[in-house]
Amino acid sequence: MRSFSFVAAVIVVAFALAGCSSETPTPTQTPPADVIGQTLLVARPALPSGGLLILDLSTPVAGVPPTYTDGLSEGRWTVVAQCTTSQSELLGVIPSEAASPEVLRKAAADDYARMLSGCVS
């Protein structure tokens, strides 16, 4: 009976201590999914639905004219930059055909995040 009481006391203490831990993270504290190198078609569902801003980085990254239009042909756009500000999630995209291995390597190293207004890399 003593060992049962001891085990029960340990369980009660464990639950009490768990209740004293830090608060459950709010959605704003949860880091966004890393979507660098993915197409918008794959990336968009992994990100918060509100406050998503998509910027066309075609010219500075790939040297081609910007042609991104929100919601059209999302499978043809690759995410090369990502950051979170206090108000939104920012993504920089280029046409997928311009996403060379070198561009994707630089994107993975956060080289293009500085191109997103409000982001500091």
N, C-alpha and C. Protein backbone atom coordinates (compact mmCIF):
# COMPACT_ATOMS: atom_id res chain seq x y z
N MET A 1 0.82 -1.19 0.00
CA MET A 1 0.00 0.00 0.00
C MET A 1 0.87 1.26 0.00
N ARG A 2 2.03 1.18 0.73
CA ARG A 2 2.91 2.33 0.78
C ARG A 2 3.45 2.69 -0.60
N SER A 3 3.85 1.67 -1.38
CA SER A 3 4.40 1.95 -2.71
C SER A 3 3.33 2.55 -3.62
N PHE A 4 2.09 2.13 -3.45
CA PHE A 4 1.00 2.71 -4.25
C PHE A 4 0.82 4.18 -3.90
N SER A 5 0.86 4.51 -2.63
CA SER A 5 0.71 5.89 -2.18
C SER A 5 1.86 6.75 -2.71
N PHE A 6 3.07 6.19 -2.68
CA PHE A 6 4.24 6.91 -3.19
C PHE A 6 4.09 7.20 -4.68
N VAL A 7 3.68 6.19 -5.45
CA VAL A 7 3.49 6.36 -6.90
C VAL A 7 2.40 7.39 -7.16
N ALA A 8 1.32 7.33 -6.43
CA ALA A 8 0.23 8.29 -6.60
C ALA A 8 0.71 9.70 -6.29
N ALA A 9 1.52 9.85 -5.24
CA ALA A 9 2.05 11.17 -4.88
C ALA A 9 2.98 11.71 -5.96
N VAL A 10 3.80 10.84 -6.53
CA VAL A 10 4.70 11.26 -7.61
C VAL A 10 3.89 11.73 -8.81
N ILE A 11 2.85 11.02 -9.14
CA ILE A 11 2.00 11.41 -10.28
C ILE A 11 1.34 12.75 -10.03
N VAL A 12 0.82 12.96 -8.83
CA VAL A 12 0.18 14.24 -8.50
C VAL A 12 1.19 15.38 -8.59
N VAL A 13 2.39 15.19 -8.08
CA VAL A 13 3.43 16.22 -8.14
C VAL A 13 3.81 16.50 -9.59
N ALA A 14 3.91 15.46 -10.39
CA ALA A 14 4.26 15.65 -11.81
C ALA A 14 3.20 16.49 -12.52
N PHE A 15 1.93 16.21 -12.26
CA PHE A 15 0.86 17.00 -12.88
C PHE A 15 0.88 18.43 -12.38
N ALA A 16 1.15 18.62 -11.10
CA ALA A 16 1.21 19.97 -10.54
C ALA A 16 2.35 20.77 -11.17
N LEU A 17 3.51 20.13 -11.31
CA LEU A 17 4.64 20.82 -11.93
C LEU A 17 4.39 21.12 -13.40
N ALA A 18 3.71 20.23 -14.08
CA ALA A 18 3.38 20.47 -15.49
C ALA A 18 2.50 21.69 -15.62
N GLY A 19 1.61 21.89 -14.66
CA GLY A 19 0.74 23.06 -14.67
C GLY A 19 1.50 24.34 -14.41
N CYS A 20 2.69 24.27 -13.82
CA CYS A 20 3.49 25.45 -13.51
C CYS A 20 4.44 25.82 -14.65
N SER A 21 4.48 25.02 -15.69
CA SER A 21 5.39 25.32 -16.79
C SER A 21 4.93 26.56 -17.53
N SER A 22 5.75 27.03 -18.44
CA SER A 22 5.42 28.24 -19.19
C SER A 22 4.13 28.05 -19.97
N GLU A 23 3.55 29.16 -20.36
CA GLU A 23 2.29 29.13 -21.09
C GLU A 23 2.42 28.38 -22.40
N THR A 24 1.30 27.86 -22.86
CA THR A 24 1.26 27.23 -24.17
C THR A 24 1.51 28.32 -25.21
N PRO A 25 2.38 28.08 -26.18
CA PRO A 25 2.67 29.11 -27.18
C PRO A 25 1.41 29.52 -27.94
N THR A 26 1.28 30.82 -28.15
CA THR A 26 0.17 31.31 -28.97
C THR A 26 0.55 31.13 -30.43
N PRO A 27 -0.41 31.21 -31.34
CA PRO A 27 -0.08 31.05 -32.76
C PRO A 27 1.02 32.00 -33.24
N THR A 28 1.12 33.20 -32.68
CA THR A 28 2.16 34.12 -33.12
C THR A 28 3.54 33.70 -32.64
N GLN A 29 3.60 32.83 -31.60
CA GLN A 29 4.88 32.36 -31.11
C GLN A 29 5.36 31.13 -31.87
N THR A 30 4.50 30.48 -32.62
CA THR A 30 4.85 29.28 -33.36
C THR A 30 5.59 29.68 -34.63
N PRO A 31 6.79 29.17 -34.84
CA PRO A 31 7.50 29.55 -36.06
C PRO A 31 6.77 29.03 -37.30
N PRO A 32 6.81 29.79 -38.38
CA PRO A 32 6.14 29.34 -39.59
C PRO A 32 6.89 28.17 -40.21
N ALA A 33 6.20 27.45 -41.05
CA ALA A 33 6.83 26.35 -41.78
C ALA A 33 7.90 26.91 -42.70
N ASP A 34 9.00 26.21 -42.83
CA ASP A 34 10.05 26.62 -43.75
C ASP A 34 9.66 26.14 -45.14
N VAL A 35 9.39 27.07 -46.03
CA VAL A 35 8.91 26.72 -47.37
C VAL A 35 9.89 27.12 -48.47
N ILE A 36 11.11 27.48 -48.10
CA ILE A 36 12.12 27.86 -49.10
C ILE A 36 12.35 26.68 -50.05
N GLY A 37 12.33 26.97 -51.34
CA GLY A 37 12.57 25.94 -52.35
C GLY A 37 11.31 25.21 -52.80
N GLN A 38 10.19 25.46 -52.15
CA GLN A 38 8.94 24.82 -52.54
C GLN A 38 8.16 25.71 -53.48
N THR A 39 7.26 25.11 -54.24
CA THR A 39 6.38 25.93 -55.07
C THR A 39 5.31 26.54 -54.18
N LEU A 40 4.70 27.61 -54.65
CA LEU A 40 3.61 28.22 -53.89
C LEU A 40 2.46 27.24 -53.70
N LEU A 41 2.25 26.37 -54.66
CA LEU A 41 1.18 25.39 -54.57
C LEU A 41 1.36 24.50 -53.34
N VAL A 42 2.58 24.13 -53.04
CA VAL A 42 2.90 23.31 -51.87
C VAL A 42 3.02 24.18 -50.62
N ALA A 43 3.61 25.36 -50.74
CA ALA A 43 3.91 26.21 -49.60
C ALA A 43 2.67 26.85 -48.96
N ARG A 44 1.76 27.33 -49.77
CA ARG A 44 0.63 28.10 -49.23
C ARG A 44 -0.16 27.36 -48.16
N PRO A 45 -0.51 26.09 -48.34
CA PRO A 45 -1.27 25.40 -47.28
C PRO A 45 -0.48 25.22 -45.97
N ALA A 46 0.84 25.29 -46.02
CA ALA A 46 1.66 25.11 -44.83
C ALA A 46 1.80 26.40 -44.01
N LEU A 47 1.29 27.50 -44.53
CA LEU A 47 1.46 28.80 -43.88
C LEU A 47 0.13 29.34 -43.35
N PRO A 48 0.20 30.28 -42.41
CA PRO A 48 -1.04 30.88 -41.90
C PRO A 48 -1.82 31.53 -43.03
N SER A 49 -3.13 31.43 -42.98
CA SER A 49 -3.95 31.96 -44.07
C SER A 49 -4.02 33.48 -44.07
N GLY A 50 -3.94 34.11 -42.92
CA GLY A 50 -4.03 35.57 -42.87
C GLY A 50 -2.66 36.22 -42.88
N GLY A 51 -2.56 37.38 -43.50
CA GLY A 51 -1.34 38.15 -43.46
C GLY A 51 -0.20 37.64 -44.33
N LEU A 52 -0.51 36.88 -45.35
CA LEU A 52 0.53 36.37 -46.25
C LEU A 52 0.73 37.36 -47.40
N LEU A 53 1.96 37.85 -47.53
CA LEU A 53 2.31 38.76 -48.62
C LEU A 53 3.34 38.08 -49.51
N ILE A 54 3.07 38.08 -50.81
CA ILE A 54 3.97 37.44 -51.76
C ILE A 54 4.55 38.50 -52.68
N LEU A 55 5.88 38.53 -52.74
CA LEU A 55 6.57 39.52 -53.56
C LEU A 55 7.36 38.82 -54.66
N ASP A 56 7.28 39.36 -55.86
CA ASP A 56 7.99 38.82 -57.02
C ASP A 56 9.43 39.32 -57.00
N LEU A 57 10.37 38.41 -56.81
CA LEU A 57 11.80 38.75 -56.79
C LEU A 57 12.50 38.34 -58.09
N SER A 58 11.74 38.19 -59.15
CA SER A 58 12.28 37.71 -60.42
C SER A 58 13.45 38.55 -60.92
N THR A 59 13.31 39.86 -60.89
CA THR A 59 14.36 40.72 -61.45
C THR A 59 15.64 40.68 -60.63
N PRO A 60 15.61 40.92 -59.32
CA PRO A 60 16.88 40.91 -58.59
C PRO A 60 17.52 39.53 -58.44
N VAL A 61 16.72 38.48 -58.43
CA VAL A 61 17.28 37.14 -58.23
C VAL A 61 17.64 36.47 -59.54
N ALA A 62 16.74 36.55 -60.52
CA ALA A 62 16.91 35.79 -61.75
C ALA A 62 17.14 36.65 -63.00
N GLY A 63 17.02 37.97 -62.86
CA GLY A 63 17.25 38.84 -64.01
C GLY A 63 16.16 38.79 -65.06
N VAL A 64 14.95 38.40 -64.66
CA VAL A 64 13.82 38.37 -65.61
C VAL A 64 12.73 39.31 -65.10
N PRO A 65 11.88 39.82 -66.01
CA PRO A 65 10.83 40.75 -65.58
C PRO A 65 9.85 40.09 -64.61
N PRO A 66 9.32 40.87 -63.65
CA PRO A 66 8.34 40.34 -62.71
C PRO A 66 7.00 40.09 -63.40
N THR A 67 6.41 38.93 -63.16
CA THR A 67 5.13 38.60 -63.79
C THR A 67 4.16 37.90 -62.83
N TYR A 68 4.50 37.84 -61.54
CA TYR A 68 3.65 37.12 -60.60
C TYR A 68 2.30 37.81 -60.43
N THR A 69 1.24 37.01 -60.49
CA THR A 69 -0.12 37.47 -60.19
C THR A 69 -0.68 36.52 -59.14
N ASP A 70 -1.14 37.07 -58.03
CA ASP A 70 -1.61 36.27 -56.90
C ASP A 70 -2.67 35.26 -57.32
N GLY A 71 -2.43 34.00 -56.94
CA GLY A 71 -3.41 32.95 -57.15
C GLY A 71 -3.34 32.24 -58.49
N LEU A 72 -2.60 32.75 -59.43
CA LEU A 72 -2.54 32.12 -60.75
C LEU A 72 -1.30 31.24 -60.88
N SER A 73 -1.48 30.04 -61.34
CA SER A 73 -0.38 29.11 -61.62
C SER A 73 0.61 28.99 -60.48
N GLU A 74 0.12 28.72 -59.28
CA GLU A 74 1.00 28.68 -58.11
C GLU A 74 2.07 27.60 -58.20
N GLY A 75 1.85 26.58 -59.00
CA GLY A 75 2.85 25.54 -59.17
C GLY A 75 4.04 25.99 -60.00
N ARG A 76 3.93 27.14 -60.63
CA ARG A 76 5.00 27.64 -61.49
C ARG A 76 5.90 28.66 -60.79
N TRP A 77 5.69 28.86 -59.47
CA TRP A 77 6.46 29.84 -58.71
C TRP A 77 7.16 29.16 -57.54
N THR A 78 8.43 29.44 -57.36
CA THR A 78 9.23 28.84 -56.29
C THR A 78 9.58 29.89 -55.25
N VAL A 79 9.45 29.53 -53.99
CA VAL A 79 9.76 30.43 -52.88
C VAL A 79 11.27 30.47 -52.68
N VAL A 80 11.85 31.68 -52.73
CA VAL A 80 13.30 31.85 -52.54
C VAL A 80 13.63 32.70 -51.32
N ALA A 81 12.62 33.29 -50.70
CA ALA A 81 12.85 34.11 -49.50
C ALA A 81 11.60 34.04 -48.63
N GLN A 82 11.84 34.08 -47.33
CA GLN A 82 10.73 33.98 -46.38
C GLN A 82 11.13 34.67 -45.09
N CYS A 83 10.21 35.42 -44.52
CA CYS A 83 10.41 35.94 -43.17
C CYS A 83 9.07 36.32 -42.57
N THR A 84 9.08 36.48 -41.27
CA THR A 84 7.87 36.83 -40.54
C THR A 84 8.10 38.16 -39.86
N THR A 85 7.15 39.07 -40.03
CA THR A 85 7.18 40.34 -39.31
C THR A 85 6.06 40.28 -38.27
N SER A 86 5.90 41.34 -37.52
CA SER A 86 4.85 41.34 -36.50
C SER A 86 3.46 41.32 -37.12
N GLN A 87 3.34 41.72 -38.37
CA GLN A 87 2.02 41.76 -39.01
C GLN A 87 1.79 40.73 -40.10
N SER A 88 2.85 40.14 -40.64
CA SER A 88 2.62 39.25 -41.78
C SER A 88 3.76 38.26 -42.00
N GLU A 89 3.45 37.31 -42.84
CA GLU A 89 4.44 36.35 -43.35
C GLU A 89 4.77 36.82 -44.76
N LEU A 90 6.04 37.04 -45.04
CA LEU A 90 6.47 37.52 -46.36
C LEU A 90 7.18 36.40 -47.10
N LEU A 91 6.81 36.24 -48.37
CA LEU A 91 7.46 35.28 -49.25
C LEU A 91 7.97 36.00 -50.48
N GLY A 92 9.17 35.65 -50.92
CA GLY A 92 9.69 36.13 -52.19
C GLY A 92 9.70 34.96 -53.15
N VAL A 93 9.18 35.18 -54.35
CA VAL A 93 9.07 34.09 -55.32
C VAL A 93 9.73 34.47 -56.65
N ILE A 94 10.11 33.43 -57.39
CA ILE A 94 10.60 33.59 -58.76
C ILE A 94 9.95 32.50 -59.60
N PRO A 95 9.95 32.64 -60.92
CA PRO A 95 9.42 31.55 -61.75
C PRO A 95 10.23 30.27 -61.50
N SER A 96 9.57 29.15 -61.41
CA SER A 96 10.24 27.89 -61.09
C SER A 96 11.33 27.54 -62.10
N GLU A 97 11.13 27.90 -63.37
CA GLU A 97 12.16 27.59 -64.38
C GLU A 97 13.45 28.38 -64.15
N ALA A 98 13.39 29.46 -63.36
CA ALA A 98 14.58 30.25 -63.05
C ALA A 98 15.25 29.80 -61.74
N ALA A 99 14.67 28.80 -61.09
CA ALA A 99 15.20 28.33 -59.80
C ALA A 99 16.31 27.31 -60.02
N SER A 100 17.47 27.81 -60.41
CA SER A 100 18.64 26.96 -60.64
C SER A 100 19.15 26.40 -59.32
N PRO A 101 20.00 25.38 -59.38
CA PRO A 101 20.59 24.87 -58.13
C PRO A 101 21.33 25.96 -57.34
N GLU A 102 22.01 26.86 -58.03
CA GLU A 102 22.72 27.96 -57.36
C GLU A 102 21.74 28.90 -56.65
N VAL A 103 20.65 29.24 -57.32
CA VAL A 103 19.63 30.10 -56.71
C VAL A 103 19.02 29.41 -55.49
N LEU A 104 18.72 28.14 -55.61
CA LEU A 104 18.14 27.41 -54.48
C LEU A 104 19.12 27.28 -53.31
N ARG A 105 20.40 27.14 -53.61
CA ARG A 105 21.42 27.09 -52.54
C ARG A 105 21.46 28.41 -51.79
N LYS A 106 21.45 29.52 -52.54
CA LYS A 106 21.45 30.84 -51.92
C LYS A 106 20.16 31.08 -51.13
N ALA A 107 19.06 30.62 -51.67
CA ALA A 107 17.78 30.77 -50.98
C ALA A 107 17.79 30.02 -49.65
N ALA A 108 18.34 28.81 -49.66
CA ALA A 108 18.42 28.01 -48.44
C ALA A 108 19.33 28.67 -47.40
N ALA A 109 20.28 29.46 -47.85
CA ALA A 109 21.19 30.17 -46.95
C ALA A 109 20.63 31.54 -46.54
N ASP A 110 19.39 31.83 -46.90
CA ASP A 110 18.72 33.10 -46.59
C ASP A 110 19.34 34.32 -47.26
N ASP A 111 20.03 34.11 -48.37
CA ASP A 111 20.66 35.23 -49.06
C ASP A 111 19.65 36.23 -49.64
N TYR A 112 18.42 35.81 -49.89
CA TYR A 112 17.44 36.69 -50.53
C TYR A 112 16.46 37.32 -49.55
N ALA A 113 16.47 36.93 -48.28
CA ALA A 113 15.52 37.47 -47.30
C ALA A 113 15.64 38.97 -47.16
N ARG A 114 16.85 39.52 -47.31
CA ARG A 114 17.04 40.97 -47.19
C ARG A 114 16.28 41.75 -48.27
N MET A 115 15.88 41.07 -49.34
CA MET A 115 15.13 41.71 -50.41
C MET A 115 13.67 41.91 -50.06
N LEU A 116 13.23 41.30 -49.00
CA LEU A 116 11.84 41.44 -48.57
C LEU A 116 11.75 42.64 -47.63
N SER A 117 10.94 43.61 -47.98
CA SER A 117 10.80 44.82 -47.18
C SER A 117 10.38 44.48 -45.75
N GLY A 118 11.12 44.99 -44.79
CA GLY A 118 10.79 44.75 -43.39
C GLY A 118 11.51 43.57 -42.77
N CYS A 119 12.31 42.85 -43.56
CA CYS A 119 13.02 41.69 -43.05
C CYS A 119 14.49 42.00 -42.89
N VAL A 120 15.06 41.47 -41.84
CA VAL A 120 16.49 41.62 -41.61
C VAL A 120 17.07 40.23 -41.58
N SER A 121 18.05 39.97 -42.42
CA SER A 121 18.64 38.63 -42.45
C SER A 121 19.88 38.55 -41.59
